[in-house]
Amino acid sequence: MTVYDLFKVLIALHIATGAPGLVGFWVPVFAKKGGERHRWWGRLFAAAMLFTGTIAMMMATLTLIAPMATHPHLVHHEDFSDPVLVRGIFGWMMLYLGLLTVNLAWYGWLCAVNKRDQGKNQTPLNWGLQAALFVASANCALQGVLITQPMMIGISMVGFATVATNVWFLLKSDPGPIEWLLEHIKAIVGTGISVYTAFFAFGAVRLMPELALAPGLWAIPLATGLALIFYHRHQVSRRFLTRTARPRNNRPLDLDAAE
């Protein structure tokens, strides 16, 4: 089996795991929060993204080893025929985006499962993912500087912000009643931003290579995702404050239903 044959197998697996996630992302976004439908599709999305992100990192590793052998369709392309550029965009940046996807999917899943139990969040894997993403973000920015690709530098800022906010929450010994939920929203929607960014960028290079590095194309998932994060975090905070101010029949607050 050649490098390209192995790469094609990984592409097939990447599509098989990524497609359900791309579609399934929207169900928990619009479904009743905390309901069974929301939970079921949320589990599917998180699992799909963990597999998809891991396979993306494997594809990126092969690209770093053999950039043109894994992307023969770019050999004679006027904009992407340079192996250094292919290694940077489809190697280092894809490796970073794959790790970003895995980091956010795992962190967001733990937040939903463990809620305020910070002891269960303090795992070597969870902390290791934060450290690994910080290194990958720094490397993506550095590689962008070396090959003069501002897009790589800009997208690396998402990784730095992710690590900073994740660590900020993990260092809290006694987080507030809904902080875990706000972090869950940030992480899961952030996972969607990551995977849709990769979908637009790396998918576009096969159909319309000239659009692969267009800032406008990359801005679509980022702007949409940030709007969803701000909206849902605002809704959760508003509902929590309303229920706290006017509790019904002195019943305890059902935070799961506020998702």
C-alpha atoms as a PDB file:
ATOM      1  CA  MET A   1       0.000   0.000   0.000  1.00  0.00           C
ATOM      2  CA  THR A   2       1.375   3.389  -1.016  1.00  0.00           C
ATOM      3  CA  VAL A   3       1.205   6.557   1.063  1.00  0.00           C
ATOM      4  CA  TYR A   4      -1.545   7.841  -1.207  1.00  0.00           C
ATOM      5  CA  ASP A   5      -3.563   4.634  -0.811  1.00  0.00           C
ATOM      6  CA  LEU A   6      -3.377   4.962   2.964  1.00  0.00           C
ATOM      7  CA  PHE A   7      -4.286   8.620   2.686  1.00  0.00           C
ATOM      8  CA  LYS A   8      -7.383   7.762   0.620  1.00  0.00           C
ATOM      9  CA  VAL A   9      -8.477   5.256   3.271  1.00  0.00           C
ATOM     10  CA  LEU A  10      -8.158   7.970   5.910  1.00  0.00           C
ATOM     11  CA  ILE A  11     -10.155  10.380   3.735  1.00  0.00           C
ATOM     12  CA  ALA A  12     -12.963   7.837   3.482  1.00  0.00           C
ATOM     13  CA  LEU A  13     -12.972   7.327   7.251  1.00  0.00           C
ATOM     14  CA  HIS A  14     -12.802  11.080   7.772  1.00  0.00           C
ATOM     15  CA  ILE A  15     -15.898  11.584   5.621  1.00  0.00           C
ATOM     16  CA  ALA A  16     -17.740   8.653   7.210  1.00  0.00           C
ATOM     17  CA  THR A  17     -17.272  10.054  10.718  1.00  0.00           C
ATOM     18  CA  GLY A  18     -17.404  13.741   9.843  1.00  0.00           C
ATOM     19  CA  ALA A  19     -20.600  13.803   7.765  1.00  0.00           C
ATOM     20  CA  PRO A  20     -22.892  12.630  10.615  1.00  0.00           C
ATOM     21  CA  GLY A  21     -21.229  15.177  12.877  1.00  0.00           C
ATOM     22  CA  LEU A  22     -21.696  18.049  10.417  1.00  0.00           C
ATOM     23  CA  VAL A  23     -25.399  17.270  10.197  1.00  0.00           C
ATOM     24  CA  GLY A  24     -25.855  16.176  13.810  1.00  0.00           C
ATOM     25  CA  PHE A  25     -24.362  19.402  15.150  1.00  0.00           C
ATOM     26  CA  TRP A  26     -27.547  21.321  14.364  1.00  0.00           C
ATOM     27  CA  VAL A  27     -29.985  19.002  16.138  1.00  0.00           C
ATOM     28  CA  PRO A  28     -28.782  19.726  19.705  1.00  0.00           C
ATOM     29  CA  VAL A  29     -28.451  23.397  18.768  1.00  0.00           C
ATOM     30  CA  PHE A  30     -32.152  23.703  17.952  1.00  0.00           C
ATOM     31  CA  ALA A  31     -33.639  20.819  19.981  1.00  0.00           C
ATOM     32  CA  LYS A  32     -35.117  21.367  23.435  1.00  0.00           C
ATOM     33  CA  LYS A  33     -32.149  21.759  25.738  1.00  0.00           C
ATOM     34  CA  GLY A  34     -31.740  18.987  28.256  1.00  0.00           C
ATOM     35  CA  GLY A  35     -34.250  16.734  26.467  1.00  0.00           C
ATOM     36  CA  GLU A  36     -33.543  13.198  25.332  1.00  0.00           C
ATOM     37  CA  ARG A  37     -33.202  14.286  21.705  1.00  0.00           C
ATOM     38  CA  HIS A  38     -30.682  16.918  22.677  1.00  0.00           C
ATOM     39  CA  ARG A  39     -28.667  14.426  24.719  1.00  0.00           C
ATOM     40  CA  TRP A  40     -28.728  11.632  22.131  1.00  0.00           C
ATOM     41  CA  TRP A  41     -27.621  13.804  19.237  1.00  0.00           C
ATOM     42  CA  GLY A  42     -25.116  15.565  21.468  1.00  0.00           C
ATOM     43  CA  ARG A  43     -23.463  12.237  22.279  1.00  0.00           C
ATOM     44  CA  LEU A  44     -23.414  11.327  18.586  1.00  0.00           C
ATOM     45  CA  PHE A  45     -21.856  14.658  17.659  1.00  0.00           C
ATOM     46  CA  ALA A  46     -19.166  14.467  20.353  1.00  0.00           C
ATOM     47  CA  ALA A  47     -18.221  10.885  19.459  1.00  0.00           C
ATOM     48  CA  ALA A  48     -18.141  11.675  15.731  1.00  0.00           C
ATOM     49  CA  MET A  49     -15.911  14.687  16.311  1.00  0.00           C
ATOM     50  CA  LEU A  50     -13.464  12.742  18.458  1.00  0.00           C
ATOM     51  CA  PHE A  51     -13.020  10.216  15.660  1.00  0.00           C
ATOM     52  CA  THR A  52     -12.996  12.857  12.913  1.00  0.00           C
ATOM     53  CA  GLY A  53     -10.414  15.015  14.688  1.00  0.00           C
ATOM     54  CA  THR A  54      -8.151  12.040  15.369  1.00  0.00           C
ATOM     55  CA  ILE A  55      -8.299  10.925  11.731  1.00  0.00           C
ATOM     56  CA  ALA A  56      -7.589  14.498  10.620  1.00  0.00           C
ATOM     57  CA  MET A  57      -4.407  14.459  12.704  1.00  0.00           C
ATOM     58  CA  MET A  58      -3.380  11.175  11.066  1.00  0.00           C
ATOM     59  CA  MET A  59      -3.968  12.690   7.615  1.00  0.00           C
ATOM     60  CA  ALA A  60      -1.972  15.759   8.595  1.00  0.00           C
ATOM     61  CA  THR A  61       0.914  13.584   9.786  1.00  0.00           C
ATOM     62  CA  LEU A  62       1.025  11.778   6.446  1.00  0.00           C
ATOM     63  CA  THR A  63       0.998  15.155   4.686  1.00  0.00           C
ATOM     64  CA  LEU A  64       3.959  16.334   6.760  1.00  0.00           C
ATOM     65  CA  ILE A  65       5.850  13.187   5.747  1.00  0.00           C
ATOM     66  CA  ALA A  66       4.914  13.249   2.037  1.00  0.00           C
ATOM     67  CA  PRO A  67       3.118  16.494   1.081  1.00  0.00           C
ATOM     68  CA  MET A  68       2.831  16.015  -2.676  1.00  0.00           C
ATOM     69  CA  ALA A  69       2.374  12.245  -2.596  1.00  0.00           C
ATOM     70  CA  THR A  70      -0.724  12.729  -0.470  1.00  0.00           C
ATOM     71  CA  HIS A  71      -1.977  15.616  -2.632  1.00  0.00           C
ATOM     72  CA  PRO A  72      -1.025  14.698  -6.233  1.00  0.00           C
ATOM     73  CA  HIS A  73      -3.866  16.822  -7.636  1.00  0.00           C
ATOM     74  CA  LEU A  74      -1.951  19.913  -6.477  1.00  0.00           C
ATOM     75  CA  VAL A  75       1.357  19.083  -8.154  1.00  0.00           C
ATOM     76  CA  HIS A  76       0.628  21.249 -11.195  1.00  0.00           C
ATOM     77  CA  HIS A  77      -1.638  23.779  -9.524  1.00  0.00           C
ATOM     78  CA  GLU A  78      -0.271  27.293  -9.829  1.00  0.00           C
ATOM     79  CA  ASP A  79      -1.130  28.266  -6.241  1.00  0.00           C
ATOM     80  CA  PHE A  80      -0.485  25.006  -4.360  1.00  0.00           C
ATOM     81  CA  SER A  81       2.390  23.313  -6.190  1.00  0.00           C
ATOM     82  CA  ASP A  82       4.944  24.267  -3.521  1.00  0.00           C
ATOM     83  CA  PRO A  83       5.515  21.353  -1.088  1.00  0.00           C
ATOM     84  CA  VAL A  84       6.358  23.828   1.681  1.00  0.00           C
ATOM     85  CA  LEU A  85       2.950  25.483   1.321  1.00  0.00           C
ATOM     86  CA  VAL A  86       1.120  22.147   1.161  1.00  0.00           C
ATOM     87  CA  ARG A  87       2.981  20.936   4.261  1.00  0.00           C
ATOM     88  CA  GLY A  88       2.077  24.141   6.085  1.00  0.00           C
ATOM     89  CA  ILE A  89      -1.612  24.328   5.163  1.00  0.00           C
ATOM     90  CA  PHE A  90      -2.554  20.656   4.937  1.00  0.00           C
ATOM     91  CA  GLY A  91       0.009  19.444   7.415  1.00  0.00           C
ATOM     92  CA  TRP A  92       0.650  21.791  10.312  1.00  0.00           C
ATOM     93  CA  MET A  93      -2.629  23.701  10.154  1.00  0.00           C
ATOM     94  CA  MET A  94      -4.739  20.579   9.700  1.00  0.00           C
ATOM     95  CA  LEU A  95      -2.904  18.944  12.596  1.00  0.00           C
ATOM     96  CA  TYR A  96      -3.767  21.953  14.735  1.00  0.00           C
ATOM     97  CA  LEU A  97      -7.427  22.001  13.678  1.00  0.00           C
ATOM     98  CA  GLY A  98      -7.764  18.267  14.284  1.00  0.00           C
ATOM     99  CA  LEU A  99      -6.369  18.651  17.789  1.00  0.00           C
ATOM    100  CA  LEU A 100      -8.586  21.686  18.412  1.00  0.00           C
ATOM    101  CA  THR A 101     -11.614  19.581  17.465  1.00  0.00           C
ATOM    102  CA  VAL A 102     -10.619  16.728  19.778  1.00  0.00           C
ATOM    103  CA  ASN A 103      -9.811  19.124  22.626  1.00  0.00           C
ATOM    104  CA  LEU A 104     -13.152  20.921  22.479  1.00  0.00           C
ATOM    105  CA  ALA A 105     -15.253  17.780  21.955  1.00  0.00           C
ATOM    106  CA  TRP A 106     -13.660  15.992  24.918  1.00  0.00           C
ATOM    107  CA  TYR A 107     -13.680  19.038  27.196  1.00  0.00           C
ATOM    108  CA  GLY A 108     -17.296  19.840  26.316  1.00  0.00           C
ATOM    109  CA  TRP A 109     -18.331  16.244  26.943  1.00  0.00           C
ATOM    110  CA  LEU A 110     -16.641  16.201  30.361  1.00  0.00           C
ATOM    111  CA  CYS A 111     -18.308  19.466  31.341  1.00  0.00           C
ATOM    112  CA  ALA A 112     -21.748  17.987  30.609  1.00  0.00           C
ATOM    113  CA  VAL A 113     -21.034  14.694  32.375  1.00  0.00           C
ATOM    114  CA  ASN A 114     -19.193  15.988  35.453  1.00  0.00           C
ATOM    115  CA  LYS A 115     -20.986  19.321  35.865  1.00  0.00           C
ATOM    116  CA  ARG A 116     -19.601  20.980  39.041  1.00  0.00           C
ATOM    117  CA  ASP A 117     -17.533  17.965  40.117  1.00  0.00           C
ATOM    118  CA  GLN A 118     -14.150  19.439  39.268  1.00  0.00           C
ATOM    119  CA  GLY A 119     -12.288  16.452  40.676  1.00  0.00           C
ATOM    120  CA  LYS A 120     -13.468  14.338  37.761  1.00  0.00           C
ATOM    121  CA  ASN A 121     -12.254  16.956  35.281  1.00  0.00           C
ATOM    122  CA  GLN A 122      -8.698  16.875  36.638  1.00  0.00           C
ATOM    123  CA  THR A 123      -7.468  14.007  34.488  1.00  0.00           C
ATOM    124  CA  PRO A 124      -4.057  13.712  32.820  1.00  0.00           C
ATOM    125  CA  LEU A 125      -5.809  13.442  29.446  1.00  0.00           C
ATOM    126  CA  ASN A 126      -7.792  16.630  29.928  1.00  0.00           C
ATOM    127  CA  TRP A 127      -4.774  18.620  31.066  1.00  0.00           C
ATOM    128  CA  GLY A 128      -2.608  16.986  28.406  1.00  0.00           C
ATOM    129  CA  LEU A 129      -5.014  18.135  25.698  1.00  0.00           C
ATOM    130  CA  GLN A 130      -4.722  21.714  26.954  1.00  0.00           C
ATOM    131  CA  ALA A 131      -0.921  21.574  26.846  1.00  0.00           C
ATOM    132  CA  ALA A 132      -0.895  19.885  23.435  1.00  0.00           C
ATOM    133  CA  LEU A 133      -3.287  22.455  21.950  1.00  0.00           C
ATOM    134  CA  PHE A 134      -1.180  25.324  23.264  1.00  0.00           C
ATOM    135  CA  VAL A 135       1.902  23.863  21.555  1.00  0.00           C
ATOM    136  CA  ALA A 136      -0.021  23.153  18.343  1.00  0.00           C
ATOM    137  CA  SER A 137      -1.421  26.704  18.316  1.00  0.00           C
ATOM    138  CA  ALA A 138       2.029  28.213  18.765  1.00  0.00           C
ATOM    139  CA  ASN A 139       3.450  25.984  16.042  1.00  0.00           C
ATOM    140  CA  CYS A 140       0.625  26.857  13.634  1.00  0.00           C
ATOM    141  CA  ALA A 141       1.323  30.558  14.168  1.00  0.00           C
ATOM    142  CA  LEU A 142       5.074  30.033  13.767  1.00  0.00           C
ATOM    143  CA  GLN A 143       4.657  28.028  10.569  1.00  0.00           C
ATOM    144  CA  GLY A 144       2.356  30.757   9.267  1.00  0.00           C
ATOM    145  CA  VAL A 145       5.077  33.331   9.873  1.00  0.00           C
ATOM    146  CA  LEU A 146       7.705  31.141   8.188  1.00  0.00           C
ATOM    147  CA  ILE A 147       5.672  30.648   5.004  1.00  0.00           C
ATOM    148  CA  THR A 148       3.961  34.071   5.116  1.00  0.00           C
ATOM    149  CA  GLN A 149       0.407  32.808   5.610  1.00  0.00           C
ATOM    150  CA  PRO A 150      -1.518  35.258   7.831  1.00  0.00           C
ATOM    151  CA  MET A 151      -4.504  32.876   7.852  1.00  0.00           C
ATOM    152  CA  MET A 152      -2.515  30.336   9.856  1.00  0.00           C
ATOM    153  CA  ILE A 153      -1.517  33.009  12.346  1.00  0.00           C
ATOM    154  CA  GLY A 154      -5.080  34.259  12.703  1.00  0.00           C
ATOM    155  CA  ILE A 155      -6.712  30.849  13.143  1.00  0.00           C
ATOM    156  CA  SER A 156      -4.150  29.907  15.799  1.00  0.00           C
ATOM    157  CA  MET A 157      -5.656  32.589  18.052  1.00  0.00           C
ATOM    158  CA  VAL A 158      -8.748  30.391  18.437  1.00  0.00           C
ATOM    159  CA  GLY A 159      -6.553  27.698  19.965  1.00  0.00           C
ATOM    160  CA  PHE A 160      -4.913  30.096  22.408  1.00  0.00           C
ATOM    161  CA  ALA A 161      -8.333  31.420  23.463  1.00  0.00           C
ATOM    162  CA  THR A 162      -9.629  27.873  23.895  1.00  0.00           C
ATOM    163  CA  VAL A 163      -6.749  26.852  26.153  1.00  0.00           C
ATOM    164  CA  ALA A 164      -7.001  30.052  28.202  1.00  0.00           C
ATOM    165  CA  THR A 165     -10.746  29.704  28.876  1.00  0.00           C
ATOM    166  CA  ASN A 166     -10.550  25.941  29.473  1.00  0.00           C
ATOM    167  CA  VAL A 167      -7.739  26.303  32.001  1.00  0.00           C
ATOM    168  CA  TRP A 168      -9.521  29.243  33.664  1.00  0.00           C
ATOM    169  CA  PHE A 169     -12.483  26.955  34.380  1.00  0.00           C
ATOM    170  CA  LEU A 170     -10.418  23.897  35.316  1.00  0.00           C
ATOM    171  CA  LEU A 171      -8.491  25.870  37.942  1.00  0.00           C
ATOM    172  CA  LYS A 172     -11.700  26.770  39.773  1.00  0.00           C
ATOM    173  CA  SER A 173     -12.174  24.563  42.814  1.00  0.00           C
ATOM    174  CA  ASP A 174     -15.818  25.544  43.285  1.00  0.00           C
ATOM    175  CA  PRO A 175     -17.374  26.810  40.037  1.00  0.00           C
ATOM    176  CA  GLY A 176     -20.758  28.510  40.040  1.00  0.00           C
ATOM    177  CA  PRO A 177     -24.022  26.611  39.477  1.00  0.00           C
ATOM    178  CA  ILE A 178     -24.159  27.159  35.695  1.00  0.00           C
ATOM    179  CA  GLU A 179     -20.506  27.691  34.807  1.00  0.00           C
ATOM    180  CA  TRP A 180     -20.133  24.083  33.681  1.00  0.00           C
ATOM    181  CA  LEU A 181     -23.086  24.575  31.348  1.00  0.00           C
ATOM    182  CA  LEU A 182     -21.689  27.771  29.882  1.00  0.00           C
ATOM    183  CA  GLU A 183     -18.378  25.970  29.271  1.00  0.00           C
ATOM    184  CA  HIS A 184     -20.229  23.043  27.690  1.00  0.00           C
ATOM    185  CA  ILE A 185     -21.953  25.402  25.259  1.00  0.00           C
ATOM    186  CA  LYS A 186     -18.700  27.139  24.397  1.00  0.00           C
ATOM    187  CA  ALA A 187     -16.834  23.888  23.799  1.00  0.00           C
ATOM    188  CA  ILE A 188     -19.462  22.030  21.766  1.00  0.00           C
ATOM    189  CA  VAL A 189     -20.292  24.989  19.536  1.00  0.00           C
ATOM    190  CA  GLY A 190     -16.549  25.644  19.290  1.00  0.00           C
ATOM    191  CA  THR A 191     -16.155  22.083  18.046  1.00  0.00           C
ATOM    192  CA  GLY A 192     -18.676  22.892  15.335  1.00  0.00           C
ATOM    193  CA  ILE A 193     -16.706  26.017  14.390  1.00  0.00           C
ATOM    194  CA  SER A 194     -13.522  23.955  14.117  1.00  0.00           C
ATOM    195  CA  VAL A 195     -14.972  21.173  11.998  1.00  0.00           C
ATOM    196  CA  TYR A 196     -16.914  23.499   9.668  1.00  0.00           C
ATOM    197  CA  THR A 197     -13.823  25.665   9.224  1.00  0.00           C
ATOM    198  CA  ALA A 198     -11.855  22.585   8.187  1.00  0.00           C
ATOM    199  CA  PHE A 199     -14.715  21.439   5.959  1.00  0.00           C
ATOM    200  CA  PHE A 200     -14.882  24.742   4.094  1.00  0.00           C
ATOM    201  CA  ALA A 201     -11.132  25.228   3.853  1.00  0.00           C
ATOM    202  CA  PHE A 202      -9.923  21.747   2.966  1.00  0.00           C
ATOM    203  CA  GLY A 203     -13.046  20.809   1.035  1.00  0.00           C
ATOM    204  CA  ALA A 204     -12.845  23.963  -1.056  1.00  0.00           C
ATOM    205  CA  VAL A 205      -9.310  23.226  -2.188  1.00  0.00           C
ATOM    206  CA  ARG A 206     -10.574  20.212  -4.136  1.00  0.00           C
ATOM    207  CA  LEU A 207     -13.489  22.027  -5.774  1.00  0.00           C
ATOM    208  CA  MET A 208     -12.240  25.615  -5.952  1.00  0.00           C
ATOM    209  CA  PRO A 209      -8.592  25.789  -4.791  1.00  0.00           C
ATOM    210  CA  GLU A 210      -8.482  29.547  -5.249  1.00  0.00           C
ATOM    211  CA  LEU A 211     -11.026  29.914  -2.414  1.00  0.00           C
ATOM    212  CA  ALA A 212      -9.241  27.662   0.081  1.00  0.00           C
ATOM    213  CA  LEU A 213      -7.460  30.542   1.794  1.00  0.00           C
ATOM    214  CA  ALA A 214     -10.107  33.207   1.262  1.00  0.00           C
ATOM    215  CA  PRO A 215     -10.712  35.029   4.575  1.00  0.00           C
ATOM    216  CA  GLY A 216     -14.437  35.366   3.843  1.00  0.00           C
ATOM    217  CA  LEU A 217     -14.864  31.602   3.560  1.00  0.00           C
ATOM    218  CA  TRP A 218     -13.142  31.033   6.894  1.00  0.00           C
ATOM    219  CA  ALA A 219     -15.153  33.803   8.549  1.00  0.00           C
ATOM    220  CA  ILE A 220     -18.530  32.117   7.924  1.00  0.00           C
ATOM    221  CA  PRO A 221     -18.261  29.288  10.503  1.00  0.00           C
ATOM    222  CA  LEU A 222     -16.454  31.515  13.005  1.00  0.00           C
ATOM    223  CA  ALA A 223     -19.068  34.273  12.877  1.00  0.00           C
ATOM    224  CA  THR A 224     -21.957  31.795  12.958  1.00  0.00           C
ATOM    225  CA  GLY A 225     -20.453  29.828  15.833  1.00  0.00           C
ATOM    226  CA  LEU A 226     -19.674  32.879  17.949  1.00  0.00           C
ATOM    227  CA  ALA A 227     -23.225  34.139  17.459  1.00  0.00           C
ATOM    228  CA  LEU A 228     -24.593  30.777  18.637  1.00  0.00           C
ATOM    229  CA  ILE A 229     -22.280  30.738  21.659  1.00  0.00           C
ATOM    230  CA  PHE A 230     -23.248  34.253  22.766  1.00  0.00           C
ATOM    231  CA  TYR A 231     -26.947  33.603  22.168  1.00  0.00           C
ATOM    232  CA  HIS A 232     -27.154  30.307  24.084  1.00  0.00           C
ATOM    233  CA  ARG A 233     -24.951  31.498  26.934  1.00  0.00           C
ATOM    234  CA  HIS A 234     -27.156  34.571  27.270  1.00  0.00           C
ATOM    235  CA  GLN A 235     -30.305  32.440  27.247  1.00  0.00           C
ATOM    236  CA  VAL A 236     -28.962  30.080  29.920  1.00  0.00           C
ATOM    237  CA  SER A 237     -27.821  32.956  32.143  1.00  0.00           C
ATOM    238  CA  ARG A 238     -31.130  34.777  31.746  1.00  0.00           C
ATOM    239  CA  ARG A 239     -33.200  31.697  32.605  1.00  0.00           C
ATOM    240  CA  PHE A 240     -31.036  30.942  35.622  1.00  0.00           C
ATOM    241  CA  LEU A 241     -31.371  34.482  36.955  1.00  0.00           C
ATOM    242  CA  THR A 242     -35.136  34.408  36.373  1.00  0.00           C
ATOM    243  CA  ARG A 243     -35.565  31.110  38.221  1.00  0.00           C
ATOM    244  CA  THR A 244     -33.340  32.249  41.049  1.00  0.00           C
ATOM    245  CA  ALA A 245     -35.323  35.443  41.469  1.00  0.00           C
ATOM    246  CA  ARG A 246     -38.730  33.755  41.254  1.00  0.00           C
ATOM    247  CA  PRO A 247     -38.454  30.083  42.303  1.00  0.00           C
ATOM    248  CA  ARG A 248     -41.633  28.079  41.734  1.00  0.00           C
ATOM    249  CA  ASN A 249     -43.126  26.251  44.688  1.00  0.00           C
ATOM    250  CA  ASN A 250     -39.713  26.303  46.338  1.00  0.00           C
ATOM    251  CA  ARG A 251     -38.565  23.509  43.993  1.00  0.00           C
ATOM    252  CA  PRO A 252     -34.799  23.148  43.359  1.00  0.00           C
ATOM    253  CA  LEU A 253     -33.550  24.473  40.060  1.00  0.00           C
ATOM    254  CA  ASP A 254     -33.247  21.937  37.261  1.00  0.00           C
ATOM    255  CA  LEU A 255     -30.054  23.100  35.610  1.00  0.00           C
ATOM    256  CA  ASP A 256     -30.121  20.306  33.040  1.00  0.00           C
ATOM    257  CA  ALA A 257     -33.357  21.726  31.703  1.00  0.00           C
ATOM    258  CA  ALA A 258     -31.618  25.078  31.251  1.00  0.00           C
ATOM    259  CA  GLU A 259     -29.252  23.642  28.670  1.00  0.00           C
END
